[in-house]
Amino acid sequence: MIHIVFQKNDVDVLNEAIQLDHSLQGEIIQIADDFAVGPLKDIFSSEGWESRRQWWRDVLADGDYAGTVDNGSVPDDKKVVEALVEKLKNDPVEIIWIWAAQNKHDVSGYYWLMSQLKDFQGRIFILYLNNLPFINEKGNIFYPVNLFNIPGKEFLKAKKLARPITLSEFEVDPDEWTRLCNEEKGVRMLEGGKKLVQYDYDYYDAEIKKFITANWQTAQKLIGTFLHKATTITGDAFLLWRLKLILASGNYDVQGELKRMKDFEIKLKVTIPETESQSA
């Protein structure tokens, strides 16, 4: 059995569940990319994949994750899937469990992954925790948005949801993914179920601007506040990239170098009243 998850923290909680139930024993693989943002055009071609990798290089340039596309610290997901396909071909009894919660990150990753596994229908299972109640550490019922929000012991209940991805899904879902790829938008949001809608790259900009105040604050603090308080969020690397583009307009005061999140500070520009300016 091979488990697939889409977020780093999911690996830890799934490992915890495996310790509690050895019937879940198997390799855990994380798909590292966040397919909820960035270009998708021709993503299954070598050129399309490289175009996406180049976009990430540009987004991460001079930031906290600069170089990670090529330094080996983050696996190349295309090669990960190629290795998965080879395993499935060589071992006819091997199966894959894809774990996904109801969030844009997991659902986008699901579409990208399953579109490449149609040849193994019947051996690819989905555990989609869509609007399902679980018990948190305090004993209260909640509806998790992410897998890592679920206590390890609750995964023992979640495993009962495993079901094969149907032939119909293998026909319809890749077509939906192709439609999304061809729209050439930069941000994907989950409307409900497995329905993704897309927006331009500046989707988060207006919300980011709300967190720029009259007082100096580091980009790290601003992004941290955004992730804690904003109604819709995305990864900090994407937010840092968008923040730098917002600041390039010159409409805000900046001190420091526009590199890593802790390297520069931002605040609203002080507007000098016209009468005061004239008297000066």
Protein backbone atom coordinates (compact mmCIF):
# COMPACT_ATOMS: atom_id res chain seq x y z
CA MET A 1 0.00 0.00 0.00
CA ILE A 2 1.20 3.48 -0.91
CA HIS A 3 -0.35 6.54 0.72
CA ILE A 4 -0.38 9.87 -1.12
CA VAL A 5 -0.87 13.20 0.68
CA PHE A 6 -0.47 16.78 -0.48
CA GLN A 7 0.81 18.68 2.55
CA LYS A 8 3.89 18.17 4.68
CA ASN A 9 2.03 18.11 8.01
CA ASP A 10 -0.25 15.36 6.67
CA VAL A 11 2.73 12.98 6.65
CA ASP A 12 3.22 13.30 10.41
CA VAL A 13 -0.40 12.67 11.37
CA LEU A 14 -0.69 9.73 8.96
CA ASN A 15 2.45 8.22 10.46
CA GLU A 16 0.81 8.58 13.86
CA ALA A 17 -2.27 6.74 12.57
CA ILE A 18 -0.11 3.92 11.18
CA GLN A 19 1.42 3.42 14.61
CA LEU A 20 -2.09 2.91 15.98
CA ASP A 21 -3.30 0.63 13.19
CA HIS A 22 -0.72 -1.48 11.39
CA SER A 23 -3.24 -2.42 8.69
CA LEU A 24 -2.47 1.04 7.31
CA GLN A 25 1.22 0.18 7.04
CA GLY A 26 2.71 1.47 3.82
CA GLU A 27 4.93 4.03 2.18
CA ILE A 28 3.81 7.67 2.53
CA ILE A 29 4.54 10.01 -0.36
CA GLN A 30 3.88 13.73 -0.30
CA ILE A 31 3.21 15.59 -3.55
CA ALA A 32 5.20 18.73 -2.85
CA ASP A 33 3.87 21.26 -5.35
CA ASP A 34 0.87 23.48 -4.63
CA PHE A 35 -1.23 23.12 -7.76
CA ALA A 36 -3.78 25.62 -6.41
CA VAL A 37 -1.52 28.40 -7.73
CA GLY A 38 0.59 28.96 -10.80
CA PRO A 39 0.48 28.05 -14.50
CA LEU A 40 -0.96 24.72 -15.64
CA LYS A 41 -0.88 25.06 -19.43
CA ASP A 42 0.37 21.81 -21.08
CA ILE A 43 1.42 20.59 -17.64
CA PHE A 44 1.78 16.96 -18.74
CA SER A 45 4.28 17.86 -21.46
CA SER A 46 7.98 18.37 -20.72
CA GLU A 47 7.74 21.96 -21.91
CA GLY A 48 4.67 22.72 -19.80
CA TRP A 49 6.23 21.18 -16.71
CA GLU A 50 9.44 23.13 -17.18
CA SER A 51 7.42 26.32 -17.70
CA ARG A 52 5.78 25.75 -14.31
CA ARG A 53 9.14 25.06 -12.65
CA GLN A 54 10.52 28.28 -14.15
CA TRP A 55 7.51 30.19 -12.77
CA TRP A 56 8.33 28.84 -9.31
CA ARG A 57 11.98 29.87 -9.74
CA ASP A 58 10.82 33.41 -10.48
CA VAL A 59 8.34 33.44 -7.56
CA LEU A 60 10.94 32.15 -5.08
CA ALA A 61 13.87 34.26 -6.35
CA ASP A 62 15.72 36.05 -3.50
CA GLY A 63 13.08 34.83 -1.03
CA ASP A 64 13.08 32.38 1.86
CA TYR A 65 12.83 29.37 -0.48
CA ALA A 66 15.14 30.56 -3.26
CA GLY A 67 16.86 27.69 -5.06
CA THR A 68 14.58 24.93 -3.78
CA VAL A 69 13.31 24.11 -7.27
CA ASP A 70 16.74 22.84 -8.28
CA ASN A 71 18.78 22.05 -5.15
CA GLY A 72 17.13 18.70 -4.42
CA SER A 73 15.50 19.77 -1.15
CA VAL A 74 12.07 19.44 -2.77
CA PRO A 75 11.33 16.38 -4.93
CA ASP A 76 10.36 16.82 -8.57
CA ASP A 77 6.74 15.64 -8.49
CA LYS A 78 6.83 14.61 -12.15
CA LYS A 79 9.63 12.15 -11.37
CA VAL A 80 7.79 10.99 -8.24
CA VAL A 81 4.74 10.03 -10.33
CA GLU A 82 6.91 8.35 -12.95
CA ALA A 83 8.39 6.19 -10.18
CA LEU A 84 4.88 5.44 -8.86
CA VAL A 85 3.73 4.29 -12.30
CA GLU A 86 6.77 2.05 -12.59
CA LYS A 87 5.99 0.47 -9.20
CA LEU A 88 2.41 -0.21 -10.23
CA LYS A 89 3.55 -1.81 -13.47
CA ASN A 90 6.09 -4.04 -11.73
CA ASP A 91 3.83 -5.07 -8.84
CA PRO A 92 0.30 -5.97 -10.00
CA VAL A 93 -1.04 -6.15 -6.42
CA GLU A 94 0.24 -2.74 -5.30
CA ILE A 95 -2.47 -0.17 -4.54
CA ILE A 96 -2.49 3.57 -3.89
CA TRP A 97 -4.59 5.45 -1.36
CA ILE A 98 -4.98 9.15 -2.15
CA TRP A 99 -5.87 11.16 0.96
CA ALA A 100 -7.56 14.54 0.41
CA ALA A 101 -9.43 17.00 2.59
CA GLN A 102 -11.81 19.67 1.39
CA ASN A 103 -9.37 22.38 0.47
CA LYS A 104 -8.09 23.81 -2.80
CA HIS A 105 -4.57 22.50 -2.26
CA ASP A 106 -5.57 18.84 -1.88
CA VAL A 107 -8.26 18.89 -4.58
CA SER A 108 -5.96 20.54 -7.13
CA GLY A 109 -3.30 17.95 -6.34
CA TYR A 110 -5.85 15.16 -6.66
CA TYR A 111 -6.83 16.25 -10.17
CA TRP A 112 -3.20 16.52 -11.27
CA LEU A 113 -2.26 13.14 -9.82
CA MET A 114 -5.24 10.97 -10.77
CA SER A 115 -5.19 12.25 -14.35
CA GLN A 116 -1.95 10.28 -14.76
CA LEU A 117 -3.14 7.00 -13.22
CA LYS A 118 -6.09 5.96 -15.41
CA ASP A 119 -4.30 2.79 -16.55
CA PHE A 120 -4.54 1.46 -12.99
CA GLN A 121 -8.26 1.88 -12.41
CA GLY A 122 -9.38 -0.44 -9.60
CA ARG A 123 -6.06 -0.06 -7.77
CA ILE A 124 -6.27 3.68 -7.05
CA PHE A 125 -8.38 4.54 -4.00
CA ILE A 126 -9.59 7.93 -2.80
CA LEU A 127 -10.28 8.98 0.77
CA TYR A 128 -11.95 12.35 0.35
CA LEU A 129 -12.92 13.80 3.72
CA ASN A 130 -15.61 16.07 2.33
CA ASN A 131 -17.82 17.71 5.01
CA LEU A 132 -17.34 14.80 7.40
CA PRO A 133 -17.41 15.29 11.19
CA PHE A 134 -14.49 14.23 13.39
CA ILE A 135 -13.63 14.54 17.07
CA ASN A 136 -10.83 16.95 17.99
CA GLU A 137 -8.38 16.67 20.89
CA LYS A 138 -10.90 18.39 23.21
CA GLY A 139 -13.62 15.88 22.36
CA ASN A 140 -15.64 18.31 20.26
CA ILE A 141 -17.09 17.63 16.83
CA PHE A 142 -15.48 19.61 14.02
CA TYR A 143 -15.24 19.57 10.22
CA PRO A 144 -11.57 19.54 9.22
CA VAL A 145 -10.33 21.61 6.32
CA ASN A 146 -6.95 19.87 6.33
CA LEU A 147 -5.94 16.29 7.03
CA PHE A 148 -3.38 17.42 9.60
CA ASN A 149 -6.19 18.91 11.71
CA ILE A 150 -7.47 15.38 12.39
CA PRO A 151 -6.01 13.55 15.44
CA GLY A 152 -4.17 10.36 14.50
CA LYS A 153 -6.68 8.12 16.26
CA GLU A 154 -9.50 9.60 14.15
CA PHE A 155 -7.76 8.36 11.02
CA LEU A 156 -8.83 4.88 12.08
CA LYS A 157 -12.39 6.00 11.32
CA ALA A 158 -11.33 7.78 8.16
CA LYS A 159 -9.80 4.65 6.63
CA LYS A 160 -13.30 3.17 6.27
CA LEU A 161 -13.98 5.81 3.61
CA ALA A 162 -11.45 4.36 1.17
CA ARG A 163 -13.05 3.48 -2.15
CA PRO A 164 -11.73 2.88 -5.67
CA ILE A 165 -11.80 5.84 -8.01
CA THR A 166 -14.49 4.83 -10.48
CA LEU A 167 -14.06 4.44 -14.22
CA SER A 168 -16.51 7.31 -14.65
CA GLU A 169 -14.34 9.56 -12.46
CA PHE A 170 -11.27 8.58 -14.45
CA GLU A 171 -13.11 9.76 -17.56
CA VAL A 172 -14.69 12.96 -16.23
CA ASP A 173 -12.15 14.37 -13.73
CA PRO A 174 -9.18 14.52 -16.16
CA ASP A 175 -11.41 16.46 -18.58
CA GLU A 176 -12.21 18.91 -15.77
CA TRP A 177 -8.50 19.28 -15.07
CA THR A 178 -7.79 19.90 -18.77
CA ARG A 179 -10.43 22.64 -18.77
CA LEU A 180 -8.76 24.31 -15.81
CA CYS A 181 -5.34 24.03 -17.44
CA ASN A 182 -6.57 25.64 -20.64
CA GLU A 183 -8.08 28.65 -18.85
CA GLU A 184 -4.55 29.83 -18.01
CA LYS A 185 -5.47 31.45 -14.70
CA GLY A 186 -3.13 31.66 -11.71
CA VAL A 187 -5.25 30.99 -8.60
CA ARG A 188 -7.70 28.15 -7.92
CA MET A 189 -10.36 28.17 -5.22
CA LEU A 190 -12.62 25.35 -4.03
CA GLU A 191 -16.33 26.12 -4.26
CA GLY A 192 -17.50 22.84 -2.76
CA GLY A 193 -17.21 19.14 -3.47
CA LYS A 194 -14.49 18.90 -6.09
CA LYS A 195 -15.46 22.06 -7.98
CA LEU A 196 -12.56 24.43 -8.55
CA VAL A 197 -12.94 27.96 -9.89
CA GLN A 198 -10.08 30.12 -11.10
CA TYR A 199 -8.95 33.73 -10.75
CA ASP A 200 -6.07 35.91 -11.88
CA TYR A 201 -2.75 36.00 -10.05
CA ASP A 202 -3.70 39.19 -8.17
CA TYR A 203 -6.61 37.45 -6.41
CA TYR A 204 -5.10 37.92 -2.91
CA ASP A 205 -3.68 41.42 -3.47
CA ALA A 206 -6.59 43.44 -2.10
CA GLU A 207 -6.64 41.34 1.07
CA ILE A 208 -2.86 41.63 1.50
CA LYS A 209 -3.10 45.43 1.32
CA LYS A 210 -5.55 45.44 4.25
CA PHE A 211 -2.76 44.21 6.52
CA ILE A 212 -0.34 47.03 5.65
CA THR A 213 -0.64 49.50 8.54
CA ALA A 214 0.67 52.93 9.49
CA ASN A 215 3.37 51.27 11.62
CA TRP A 216 6.50 49.56 10.37
CA GLN A 217 6.25 45.77 10.31
CA THR A 218 8.37 43.10 8.71
CA ALA A 219 7.01 41.19 5.75
CA GLN A 220 7.25 38.13 7.98
CA LYS A 221 4.88 39.64 10.53
CA LEU A 222 2.48 40.90 7.87
CA ILE A 223 2.29 37.52 6.14
CA GLY A 224 1.93 35.75 9.48
CA THR A 225 -0.98 38.01 10.39
CA PHE A 226 -2.54 37.44 6.98
CA LEU A 227 -2.33 33.65 7.38
CA HIS A 228 -3.90 33.90 10.84
CA LYS A 229 -6.73 36.34 10.08
CA ALA A 230 -7.54 36.35 6.36
CA THR A 231 -10.65 34.54 5.20
CA THR A 232 -8.89 32.88 2.27
CA ILE A 233 -5.19 32.03 2.44
CA THR A 234 -2.44 30.46 0.38
CA GLY A 235 1.23 29.61 0.84
CA ASP A 236 3.63 32.15 2.32
CA ALA A 237 5.95 31.99 -0.71
CA PHE A 238 3.16 33.04 -3.07
CA LEU A 239 2.11 35.80 -0.65
CA LEU A 240 5.68 37.12 -0.43
CA TRP A 241 5.87 37.25 -4.23
CA ARG A 242 2.59 39.13 -4.46
CA LEU A 243 3.63 41.52 -1.67
CA LYS A 244 6.84 42.40 -3.53
CA LEU A 245 4.83 43.16 -6.67
CA ILE A 246 2.44 45.35 -4.65
CA LEU A 247 5.37 47.28 -3.19
CA ALA A 248 6.89 47.79 -6.65
CA SER A 249 4.09 50.28 -7.31
CA GLY A 250 5.79 52.75 -4.98
CA ASN A 251 2.59 53.41 -3.06
CA TYR A 252 3.99 52.19 0.27
CA ASP A 253 7.03 52.98 2.40
CA VAL A 254 9.65 50.24 2.45
CA GLN A 255 12.95 49.87 4.26
CA GLY A 256 15.41 47.06 3.76
CA GLU A 257 15.99 44.75 0.82
CA LEU A 258 13.04 43.07 -0.90
CA LYS A 259 14.35 39.56 -0.37
CA ARG A 260 13.41 37.25 2.50
CA MET A 261 10.42 37.94 4.72
CA LYS A 262 12.57 39.18 7.59
CA ASP A 263 14.75 41.40 5.39
CA PHE A 264 12.38 44.32 4.88
CA GLU A 265 9.62 46.32 6.55
CA ILE A 266 6.54 48.01 5.17
CA LYS A 267 4.08 50.68 6.19
CA LEU A 268 1.54 53.02 4.67
CA LYS A 269 2.95 56.20 3.13
CA VAL A 270 2.49 59.32 5.20
CA THR A 271 0.46 61.81 3.22
CA ILE A 272 1.37 65.43 3.92
CA PRO A 273 -1.70 67.73 3.76
CA GLU A 274 -1.45 70.23 0.91
CA THR A 275 -1.70 73.29 3.21
CA GLU A 276 1.08 72.00 5.44
CA SER A 277 3.23 71.28 2.41
CA GLN A 278 2.73 74.83 1.07
CA SER A 279 3.58 76.47 4.42
CA ALA A 280 6.74 74.41 4.63
